[in-house]
């Protein structure tokens, strides 16, 4: 992989941490989005990435983080164990609306993939 600027949402989660490790091994420059007040990156990778706090529910605040990014991996999401299969408003906001925001901002600033 050539040295791309990659943005990862859900960076502090299980999948995000593992993806970031792989991206770093392949020479990517990584910008990691974490929730304000949420989990932080693991110490072993925190110094190797640009860690930024952003609320995916606020698309107007995301643009600056998506600029100059070649690739976006959108891994942020919400799962509520024990809830019924019906999509609650909380899950819809956390999974559907935030994905819409990530795609919209990516398209507006010209993210390649």
Protein backbone atom coordinates (compact mmCIF):
# COMPACT_ATOMS: atom_id res chain seq x y z
CA UNK A 1 0.00 0.00 0.00
CA UNK A 2 1.37 3.40 -0.88
CA UNK A 3 1.33 5.93 1.92
CA UNK A 4 -2.31 7.03 1.89
CA UNK A 5 -4.08 9.29 4.34
CA UNK A 6 -6.73 7.02 5.81
CA UNK A 7 -9.55 8.01 8.15
CA UNK A 8 -11.07 5.37 10.45
CA UNK A 9 -14.33 5.93 12.33
CA UNK A 10 -14.94 3.66 15.29
CA UNK A 11 -11.17 3.65 15.74
CA UNK A 12 -11.22 2.82 19.45
CA UNK A 13 -13.39 -0.27 18.98
CA UNK A 14 -12.26 -3.85 18.51
CA UNK A 15 -12.34 -3.77 14.70
CA UNK A 16 -10.92 -0.26 14.52
CA UNK A 17 -7.87 -1.11 16.64
CA UNK A 18 -7.06 -4.14 14.51
CA UNK A 19 -7.60 -2.32 11.22
CA UNK A 20 -5.37 0.55 12.33
CA UNK A 21 -2.59 -1.90 13.21
CA UNK A 22 -2.80 -3.41 9.73
CA UNK A 23 -2.90 0.01 8.04
CA UNK A 24 0.18 1.15 9.95
CA UNK A 25 2.04 -2.03 9.00
CA UNK A 26 1.26 -1.21 5.36
CA UNK A 27 2.62 2.32 5.61
CA UNK A 28 -0.61 4.32 5.76
CA UNK A 29 -0.98 7.60 7.61
CA UNK A 30 -4.00 7.14 9.86
CA UNK A 31 -6.44 9.69 11.25
CA UNK A 32 -8.58 8.02 13.90
CA UNK A 33 -11.99 9.42 14.81
CA UNK A 34 -13.14 8.71 18.34
CA UNK A 35 -16.30 9.82 20.11
CA UNK A 36 -16.02 12.88 22.35
CA UNK A 37 -15.71 11.53 25.87
CA UNK A 38 -15.62 7.95 24.56
CA UNK A 39 -12.93 5.30 24.53
CA UNK A 40 -9.46 6.33 23.49
CA UNK A 41 -6.98 4.49 21.30
CA UNK A 42 -4.82 1.79 22.81
CA UNK A 43 -1.51 3.16 24.07
CA UNK A 44 0.54 1.01 21.69
CA UNK A 45 -0.90 2.80 18.63
CA UNK A 46 -1.93 6.18 20.04
CA UNK A 47 1.40 7.83 19.20
CA UNK A 48 1.40 6.56 15.62
CA UNK A 49 -1.91 8.02 14.49
CA UNK A 50 -3.66 11.38 14.47
CA UNK A 51 -6.44 10.89 17.01
CA UNK A 52 -9.34 13.35 16.76
CA UNK A 53 -12.65 13.63 18.58
CA UNK A 54 -15.70 14.04 16.39
CA UNK A 55 -19.44 13.53 16.69
CA UNK A 56 -20.64 11.70 13.58
CA UNK A 57 -24.12 13.02 14.30
CA UNK A 58 -22.90 16.56 13.56
CA UNK A 59 -21.92 16.52 9.85
CA UNK A 60 -21.01 20.21 9.74
CA UNK A 61 -18.19 19.58 12.22
CA UNK A 62 -16.71 16.65 10.23
CA UNK A 63 -15.48 18.36 7.07
CA UNK A 64 -12.07 19.40 8.46
CA UNK A 65 -11.28 15.81 9.41
CA UNK A 66 -12.23 14.37 6.01
CA UNK A 67 -10.20 16.85 3.96
CA UNK A 68 -6.98 15.47 2.43
CA UNK A 69 -8.16 11.90 3.09
CA UNK A 70 -7.82 9.22 0.40
CA UNK A 71 -9.75 6.41 2.05
CA UNK A 72 -12.43 6.21 4.74
CA UNK A 73 -13.19 3.08 6.75
CA UNK A 74 -16.49 3.63 8.54
CA UNK A 75 -16.54 1.18 11.44
CA UNK A 76 -18.46 3.22 13.99
CA UNK A 77 -21.78 1.79 14.98
CA UNK A 78 -23.99 0.83 17.85
CA UNK A 79 -25.27 -2.53 18.94
CA UNK A 80 -27.58 -2.88 21.90
CA UNK A 81 -27.63 -6.45 23.15
CA UNK A 82 -30.98 -7.61 24.44
CA UNK A 83 -32.98 -5.22 22.26
CA UNK A 84 -35.56 -6.57 19.86
CA UNK A 85 -34.75 -6.87 16.19
CA UNK A 86 -36.76 -3.76 15.44
CA UNK A 87 -34.69 -0.71 14.72
CA UNK A 88 -35.06 1.66 17.64
CA UNK A 89 -34.64 5.39 17.13
CA UNK A 90 -31.36 5.28 19.05
CA UNK A 91 -29.98 2.57 16.77
CA UNK A 92 -31.26 4.31 13.66
CA UNK A 93 -29.51 7.53 14.65
CA UNK A 94 -26.29 5.73 15.59
CA UNK A 95 -26.11 3.50 12.54
CA UNK A 96 -28.15 4.94 9.69
CA UNK A 97 -27.82 8.70 10.16
CA UNK A 98 -24.13 8.63 11.02
CA UNK A 99 -23.41 6.50 7.95
CA UNK A 100 -25.35 8.98 5.84
CA UNK A 101 -23.25 11.80 7.34
CA UNK A 102 -19.95 10.01 6.68
CA UNK A 103 -20.87 9.31 3.05
CA UNK A 104 -22.19 12.82 2.48
CA UNK A 105 -19.11 14.56 3.90
CA UNK A 106 -16.79 12.15 2.05
CA UNK A 107 -18.47 12.98 -1.26
CA UNK A 108 -18.45 16.74 -0.60
CA UNK A 109 -14.71 16.90 0.09
CA UNK A 110 -13.74 14.42 -2.63
CA UNK A 111 -12.58 11.38 -0.69
CA UNK A 112 -11.47 8.83 -3.27
CA UNK A 113 -12.92 5.71 -1.59
